[in-house]
N, C-alpha and C. Protein backbone atom coordinates (compact mmCIF):
# COMPACT_ATOMS: atom_id res chain seq x y z
N MET A 1 -12.35 1.95 37.80
CA MET A 1 -13.26 2.96 38.21
C MET A 1 -14.29 2.28 39.09
N SER A 2 -14.48 2.80 40.31
CA SER A 2 -15.49 2.23 41.20
C SER A 2 -16.74 3.07 41.02
N VAL A 3 -17.87 2.42 41.24
CA VAL A 3 -19.15 3.08 40.99
C VAL A 3 -19.88 3.16 42.32
N ASP A 4 -20.39 4.31 42.62
CA ASP A 4 -21.15 4.60 43.83
C ASP A 4 -22.37 3.60 43.89
N PRO A 5 -22.69 3.07 45.08
CA PRO A 5 -23.84 2.14 45.19
C PRO A 5 -25.14 2.75 44.75
N ASP A 6 -25.34 4.09 44.93
CA ASP A 6 -26.58 4.73 44.46
C ASP A 6 -26.64 4.72 42.96
N VAL A 7 -25.51 4.87 42.31
CA VAL A 7 -25.47 4.85 40.84
C VAL A 7 -25.79 3.41 40.34
N ILE A 8 -25.26 2.41 41.06
CA ILE A 8 -25.53 1.04 40.71
C ILE A 8 -27.05 0.75 40.81
N GLU A 9 -27.61 1.23 41.90
CA GLU A 9 -29.10 1.04 42.06
C GLU A 9 -29.86 1.76 40.93
N ALA A 10 -29.45 2.98 40.62
CA ALA A 10 -30.13 3.68 39.52
C ALA A 10 -29.95 2.94 38.18
N LEU A 11 -28.77 2.38 38.00
CA LEU A 11 -28.50 1.66 36.75
C LEU A 11 -29.36 0.41 36.70
N SER A 12 -29.53 -0.28 37.81
CA SER A 12 -30.36 -1.46 37.92
C SER A 12 -31.83 -1.11 37.49
N THR A 13 -32.30 0.04 38.01
CA THR A 13 -33.64 0.48 37.70
C THR A 13 -33.77 0.78 36.18
N VAL A 14 -32.79 1.49 35.67
CA VAL A 14 -32.78 1.81 34.25
C VAL A 14 -32.79 0.55 33.39
N LEU A 15 -31.95 -0.41 33.73
CA LEU A 15 -31.91 -1.64 32.95
C LEU A 15 -33.17 -2.44 33.01
N LYS A 16 -33.81 -2.42 34.22
CA LYS A 16 -35.10 -3.10 34.35
C LYS A 16 -36.14 -2.44 33.40
N ASP A 17 -36.20 -1.11 33.43
CA ASP A 17 -37.07 -0.38 32.55
C ASP A 17 -36.81 -0.69 31.07
N LEU A 18 -35.57 -0.73 30.72
CA LEU A 18 -35.23 -1.05 29.31
C LEU A 18 -35.58 -2.48 28.96
N ARG A 19 -35.46 -3.40 29.91
CA ARG A 19 -35.80 -4.81 29.69
C ARG A 19 -37.33 -4.93 29.52
N ASP A 20 -38.07 -4.17 30.33
CA ASP A 20 -39.55 -4.24 30.27
C ASP A 20 -40.13 -3.62 28.99
N ALA A 21 -39.46 -2.66 28.46
CA ALA A 21 -39.95 -1.95 27.23
C ALA A 21 -38.82 -1.73 26.31
N PRO A 22 -38.23 -2.78 25.70
CA PRO A 22 -37.03 -2.62 24.89
C PRO A 22 -37.23 -1.79 23.61
N GLN A 23 -38.43 -1.72 23.10
CA GLN A 23 -38.64 -1.02 21.83
C GLN A 23 -39.01 0.43 22.04
N ALA A 24 -39.36 0.82 23.27
CA ALA A 24 -39.73 2.19 23.53
C ALA A 24 -38.51 3.11 23.59
N PRO A 25 -38.68 4.36 23.24
CA PRO A 25 -37.57 5.28 23.37
C PRO A 25 -37.15 5.43 24.84
N ILE A 26 -35.92 5.64 25.07
CA ILE A 26 -35.47 5.79 26.45
C ILE A 26 -35.92 7.17 26.95
N PRO A 27 -36.72 7.17 28.02
CA PRO A 27 -37.19 8.47 28.50
C PRO A 27 -36.09 9.31 29.12
N PRO A 28 -36.24 10.64 29.02
CA PRO A 28 -35.19 11.54 29.62
C PRO A 28 -34.92 11.26 31.08
N SER A 29 -35.94 10.88 31.83
CA SER A 29 -35.76 10.62 33.27
C SER A 29 -34.78 9.46 33.47
N VAL A 30 -34.87 8.47 32.58
CA VAL A 30 -33.96 7.31 32.65
C VAL A 30 -32.55 7.75 32.33
N LEU A 31 -32.39 8.56 31.29
CA LEU A 31 -31.06 9.01 30.93
C LEU A 31 -30.46 9.89 32.04
N LYS A 32 -31.29 10.64 32.75
CA LYS A 32 -30.82 11.46 33.84
C LYS A 32 -30.24 10.58 34.96
N GLU A 33 -30.81 9.43 35.17
CA GLU A 33 -30.28 8.46 36.18
C GLU A 33 -28.88 7.97 35.80
N LEU A 34 -28.60 7.93 34.53
CA LEU A 34 -27.30 7.44 34.08
C LEU A 34 -26.22 8.49 34.07
N ALA A 35 -26.61 9.77 34.17
CA ALA A 35 -25.69 10.88 34.11
C ALA A 35 -24.51 10.74 35.06
N PRO A 36 -24.69 10.27 36.33
CA PRO A 36 -23.56 10.19 37.22
C PRO A 36 -22.45 9.25 36.74
N LEU A 37 -22.80 8.31 35.84
CA LEU A 37 -21.80 7.36 35.31
C LEU A 37 -20.90 8.00 34.25
N THR A 38 -21.42 9.04 33.63
CA THR A 38 -20.68 9.63 32.58
C THR A 38 -20.24 11.03 32.97
N GLY A 39 -19.08 11.40 32.62
CA GLY A 39 -18.58 12.73 32.90
C GLY A 39 -17.90 13.23 31.64
N CYS A 40 -17.26 14.32 31.77
CA CYS A 40 -16.52 14.89 30.62
C CYS A 40 -15.47 13.89 30.21
N GLY A 41 -15.47 13.49 28.98
CA GLY A 41 -14.46 12.56 28.46
C GLY A 41 -14.80 11.11 28.64
N THR A 42 -16.04 10.80 29.09
CA THR A 42 -16.41 9.37 29.17
C THR A 42 -17.65 9.09 28.35
N ARG A 43 -17.82 7.85 28.04
CA ARG A 43 -19.04 7.41 27.30
C ARG A 43 -19.59 6.17 28.00
N LEU A 44 -20.89 6.00 27.86
CA LEU A 44 -21.56 4.87 28.45
C LEU A 44 -22.21 4.09 27.32
N LYS A 45 -22.10 2.79 27.33
CA LYS A 45 -22.73 1.98 26.28
C LYS A 45 -23.48 0.84 27.01
N ILE A 46 -24.78 0.71 26.66
CA ILE A 46 -25.58 -0.40 27.15
C ILE A 46 -25.90 -1.27 25.94
N ASP A 47 -25.37 -2.44 25.94
CA ASP A 47 -25.59 -3.36 24.80
C ASP A 47 -26.72 -4.30 25.17
N LEU A 48 -27.91 -3.93 24.64
CA LEU A 48 -29.11 -4.73 24.96
C LEU A 48 -29.08 -6.11 24.29
N ASP A 49 -28.58 -6.23 23.09
CA ASP A 49 -28.50 -7.52 22.44
C ASP A 49 -27.54 -8.45 23.22
N ALA A 50 -26.41 -7.95 23.59
CA ALA A 50 -25.47 -8.78 24.35
C ALA A 50 -26.05 -9.12 25.70
N SER A 51 -26.75 -8.14 26.30
CA SER A 51 -27.41 -8.40 27.62
C SER A 51 -28.38 -9.54 27.54
N ARG A 52 -29.18 -9.56 26.46
CA ARG A 52 -30.14 -10.65 26.26
C ARG A 52 -29.41 -11.99 26.08
N ALA A 53 -28.35 -11.98 25.31
CA ALA A 53 -27.61 -13.18 25.02
C ALA A 53 -26.95 -13.78 26.25
N ILE A 54 -26.40 -12.93 27.13
CA ILE A 54 -25.69 -13.45 28.27
C ILE A 54 -26.56 -13.52 29.52
N GLY A 55 -27.77 -12.93 29.42
CA GLY A 55 -28.72 -13.00 30.52
C GLY A 55 -28.40 -12.02 31.65
N ALA A 56 -27.57 -11.06 31.39
CA ALA A 56 -27.23 -10.05 32.41
C ALA A 56 -26.93 -8.75 31.70
N PRO A 57 -27.11 -7.61 32.35
CA PRO A 57 -26.83 -6.35 31.67
C PRO A 57 -25.38 -6.20 31.32
N LEU A 58 -25.12 -5.77 30.12
CA LEU A 58 -23.77 -5.49 29.70
C LEU A 58 -23.67 -3.99 29.52
N VAL A 59 -23.00 -3.35 30.49
CA VAL A 59 -22.86 -1.91 30.49
C VAL A 59 -21.35 -1.61 30.48
N THR A 60 -20.93 -0.76 29.60
CA THR A 60 -19.53 -0.37 29.48
C THR A 60 -19.42 1.13 29.65
N VAL A 61 -18.56 1.53 30.56
CA VAL A 61 -18.20 2.96 30.68
C VAL A 61 -16.75 3.08 30.32
N PHE A 62 -16.47 3.91 29.33
CA PHE A 62 -15.07 4.06 28.91
C PHE A 62 -14.73 5.50 28.68
N GLU A 63 -13.43 5.76 28.83
CA GLU A 63 -12.92 7.12 28.61
C GLU A 63 -12.69 7.37 27.12
N GLN A 64 -13.05 8.55 26.71
CA GLN A 64 -12.70 8.98 25.36
C GLN A 64 -11.39 9.71 25.44
N PRO A 65 -10.44 9.41 24.58
CA PRO A 65 -9.15 10.10 24.65
C PRO A 65 -9.29 11.57 24.29
N SER A 66 -8.48 12.37 24.92
CA SER A 66 -8.38 13.79 24.55
C SER A 66 -7.53 13.85 23.31
N ASP A 67 -7.47 15.04 22.72
CA ASP A 67 -6.59 15.23 21.56
C ASP A 67 -5.17 14.88 21.89
N GLU A 68 -4.72 15.30 23.10
CA GLU A 68 -3.36 15.02 23.54
C GLU A 68 -3.15 13.50 23.63
N GLN A 69 -4.10 12.80 24.23
CA GLN A 69 -3.94 11.33 24.38
C GLN A 69 -3.97 10.66 23.03
N LEU A 70 -4.81 11.15 22.12
CA LEU A 70 -4.92 10.56 20.80
C LEU A 70 -3.55 10.65 20.09
N LEU A 71 -2.92 11.76 20.16
CA LEU A 71 -1.66 12.02 19.45
C LEU A 71 -0.42 11.65 20.23
N ALA A 72 -0.57 11.18 21.42
CA ALA A 72 0.59 10.84 22.30
C ALA A 72 1.59 9.83 21.68
N PRO A 73 1.12 8.81 20.93
CA PRO A 73 2.09 7.87 20.35
C PRO A 73 2.98 8.45 19.28
N LEU A 74 2.71 9.68 18.81
CA LEU A 74 3.41 10.25 17.67
C LEU A 74 4.66 11.01 18.08
N THR A 75 5.61 11.07 17.16
CA THR A 75 6.78 11.94 17.35
C THR A 75 6.29 13.39 17.25
N PRO A 76 7.12 14.37 17.66
CA PRO A 76 6.70 15.78 17.51
C PRO A 76 6.36 16.13 16.07
N ARG A 77 7.16 15.70 15.07
CA ARG A 77 6.86 16.02 13.70
C ARG A 77 5.58 15.34 13.21
N GLN A 78 5.39 14.09 13.61
CA GLN A 78 4.17 13.38 13.25
C GLN A 78 2.95 14.10 13.85
N ARG A 79 3.12 14.59 15.07
CA ARG A 79 2.03 15.32 15.73
C ARG A 79 1.66 16.55 14.90
N GLN A 80 2.72 17.27 14.41
CA GLN A 80 2.45 18.46 13.60
C GLN A 80 1.71 18.07 12.32
N VAL A 81 2.16 16.97 11.69
CA VAL A 81 1.49 16.51 10.47
C VAL A 81 0.08 16.09 10.77
N ALA A 82 -0.14 15.39 11.89
CA ALA A 82 -1.47 14.95 12.27
C ALA A 82 -2.41 16.15 12.49
N GLN A 83 -1.88 17.20 13.08
CA GLN A 83 -2.69 18.40 13.30
C GLN A 83 -3.11 19.00 11.94
N GLN A 84 -2.20 18.95 10.98
CA GLN A 84 -2.52 19.47 9.62
C GLN A 84 -3.58 18.57 8.95
N ILE A 85 -3.45 17.25 9.15
CA ILE A 85 -4.48 16.32 8.61
C ILE A 85 -5.84 16.65 9.22
N ILE A 86 -5.86 16.84 10.56
CA ILE A 86 -7.09 17.13 11.27
C ILE A 86 -7.65 18.43 10.76
N ALA A 87 -6.82 19.39 10.40
CA ALA A 87 -7.29 20.66 9.85
C ALA A 87 -7.74 20.54 8.37
N GLY A 88 -7.63 19.34 7.76
CA GLY A 88 -8.11 19.11 6.44
C GLY A 88 -7.11 19.48 5.35
N LYS A 89 -5.86 19.64 5.72
CA LYS A 89 -4.83 20.07 4.74
C LYS A 89 -4.46 18.88 3.86
N SER A 90 -4.12 19.15 2.60
CA SER A 90 -3.66 18.14 1.66
C SER A 90 -2.13 17.91 1.88
N ASN A 91 -1.63 16.81 1.31
CA ASN A 91 -0.21 16.58 1.40
C ASN A 91 0.61 17.74 0.82
N ARG A 92 0.16 18.30 -0.25
CA ARG A 92 0.87 19.43 -0.87
C ARG A 92 0.85 20.65 0.05
N GLU A 93 -0.28 20.90 0.70
CA GLU A 93 -0.34 22.03 1.64
C GLU A 93 0.60 21.81 2.86
N ILE A 94 0.64 20.56 3.34
CA ILE A 94 1.52 20.23 4.46
C ILE A 94 2.98 20.40 4.05
N SER A 95 3.26 19.90 2.83
CA SER A 95 4.64 20.02 2.28
C SER A 95 5.08 21.51 2.23
N ASP A 96 4.21 22.32 1.72
CA ASP A 96 4.52 23.76 1.61
C ASP A 96 4.64 24.41 3.00
N ALA A 97 3.79 24.05 3.91
CA ALA A 97 3.78 24.64 5.26
C ALA A 97 5.09 24.32 6.00
N PHE A 98 5.59 23.14 5.86
CA PHE A 98 6.79 22.72 6.61
C PHE A 98 8.07 22.77 5.78
N GLY A 99 7.95 23.06 4.53
CA GLY A 99 9.16 23.14 3.68
C GLY A 99 9.84 21.78 3.54
N ILE A 100 9.01 20.75 3.43
CA ILE A 100 9.55 19.38 3.24
C ILE A 100 8.95 18.80 1.94
N SER A 101 9.61 17.79 1.46
CA SER A 101 9.18 17.19 0.18
C SER A 101 7.82 16.46 0.35
N LEU A 102 7.14 16.34 -0.77
CA LEU A 102 5.87 15.62 -0.79
C LEU A 102 6.08 14.17 -0.36
N ALA A 103 7.15 13.56 -0.77
CA ALA A 103 7.47 12.17 -0.37
C ALA A 103 7.64 12.05 1.14
N THR A 104 8.25 13.06 1.75
CA THR A 104 8.43 13.04 3.23
C THR A 104 7.08 13.18 3.91
N VAL A 105 6.25 14.02 3.39
CA VAL A 105 4.87 14.17 3.96
C VAL A 105 4.14 12.86 3.90
N LYS A 106 4.22 12.19 2.74
CA LYS A 106 3.58 10.91 2.60
C LYS A 106 4.05 9.90 3.58
N ASP A 107 5.38 9.89 3.84
CA ASP A 107 5.95 9.02 4.83
C ASP A 107 5.39 9.32 6.21
N HIS A 108 5.32 10.63 6.55
CA HIS A 108 4.79 11.02 7.85
C HIS A 108 3.31 10.61 7.97
N VAL A 109 2.57 10.86 6.95
CA VAL A 109 1.12 10.49 7.00
C VAL A 109 0.98 8.98 7.19
N HIS A 110 1.75 8.23 6.49
CA HIS A 110 1.70 6.77 6.63
C HIS A 110 2.04 6.38 8.06
N ALA A 111 3.10 6.99 8.65
CA ALA A 111 3.53 6.69 10.00
C ALA A 111 2.42 7.07 11.00
N VAL A 112 1.78 8.18 10.77
CA VAL A 112 0.68 8.64 11.69
C VAL A 112 -0.43 7.60 11.64
N LEU A 113 -0.84 7.17 10.47
CA LEU A 113 -1.92 6.19 10.37
C LEU A 113 -1.52 4.85 11.06
N GLN A 114 -0.30 4.43 10.89
CA GLN A 114 0.12 3.20 11.52
C GLN A 114 0.18 3.31 13.03
N ARG A 115 0.77 4.39 13.53
CA ARG A 115 0.89 4.55 14.98
C ARG A 115 -0.45 4.74 15.67
N LEU A 116 -1.36 5.39 15.00
CA LEU A 116 -2.66 5.60 15.59
C LEU A 116 -3.61 4.44 15.29
N LYS A 117 -3.16 3.48 14.49
CA LYS A 117 -3.94 2.31 14.10
C LYS A 117 -5.30 2.72 13.51
N LEU A 118 -5.17 3.66 12.56
CA LEU A 118 -6.36 4.15 11.89
C LEU A 118 -6.17 3.93 10.41
N PRO A 119 -7.25 3.66 9.67
CA PRO A 119 -7.15 3.32 8.24
C PRO A 119 -7.01 4.46 7.27
N SER A 120 -7.36 5.68 7.67
CA SER A 120 -7.36 6.72 6.69
C SER A 120 -7.24 8.11 7.36
N ARG A 121 -6.98 9.12 6.55
CA ARG A 121 -6.95 10.51 7.00
C ARG A 121 -8.28 10.89 7.60
N ARG A 122 -9.34 10.43 6.96
CA ARG A 122 -10.70 10.74 7.44
C ARG A 122 -10.93 10.17 8.81
N ALA A 123 -10.36 8.99 9.07
CA ALA A 123 -10.50 8.36 10.37
C ALA A 123 -9.73 9.19 11.45
N VAL A 124 -8.59 9.76 11.08
CA VAL A 124 -7.87 10.62 12.01
C VAL A 124 -8.71 11.81 12.34
N MET A 125 -9.31 12.42 11.34
CA MET A 125 -10.15 13.59 11.55
C MET A 125 -11.36 13.24 12.45
N ALA A 126 -11.98 12.10 12.22
CA ALA A 126 -13.13 11.66 13.04
C ALA A 126 -12.69 11.39 14.47
N ALA A 127 -11.59 10.73 14.67
CA ALA A 127 -11.06 10.44 16.01
C ALA A 127 -10.78 11.76 16.76
N ALA A 128 -10.23 12.71 16.06
CA ALA A 128 -9.94 14.01 16.69
C ALA A 128 -11.24 14.72 17.07
N ARG A 129 -12.23 14.64 16.21
CA ARG A 129 -13.53 15.28 16.51
C ARG A 129 -14.13 14.64 17.80
N LYS A 130 -14.06 13.33 17.91
CA LYS A 130 -14.57 12.61 19.06
C LYS A 130 -13.81 13.00 20.31
N ALA A 131 -12.51 13.12 20.14
CA ALA A 131 -11.66 13.46 21.31
C ALA A 131 -11.86 14.89 21.75
N GLY A 132 -12.08 15.77 20.77
CA GLY A 132 -12.22 17.21 21.07
C GLY A 132 -13.59 17.54 21.49
């Protein structure tokens, strides 16, 4: 992602302001200057502690995955199970909805967690909220 020179200049100003008054709340005018860096589906992170440690601003702009991107590594059935997890359904409810055994649901849930590299059902739900 290339950044417009005007945005880089605005970012430099913002970082200078943050360096000069690190404990003060970030004023809305400063946040407005950063708006061009973030768009729908992106996040901006300014790590002030790391910036102090390395002596230069550490700014990260990264994309947040959409629901589709989040579930892309899954098979179609795993995607269906993941959607049920995101909806807060229990294994029993998923089993009844798809007409499959509870053991099969548990296998699918385990596979979903592994493929998404998430530790729990709750983490799947949180990732989906962030993506959505």
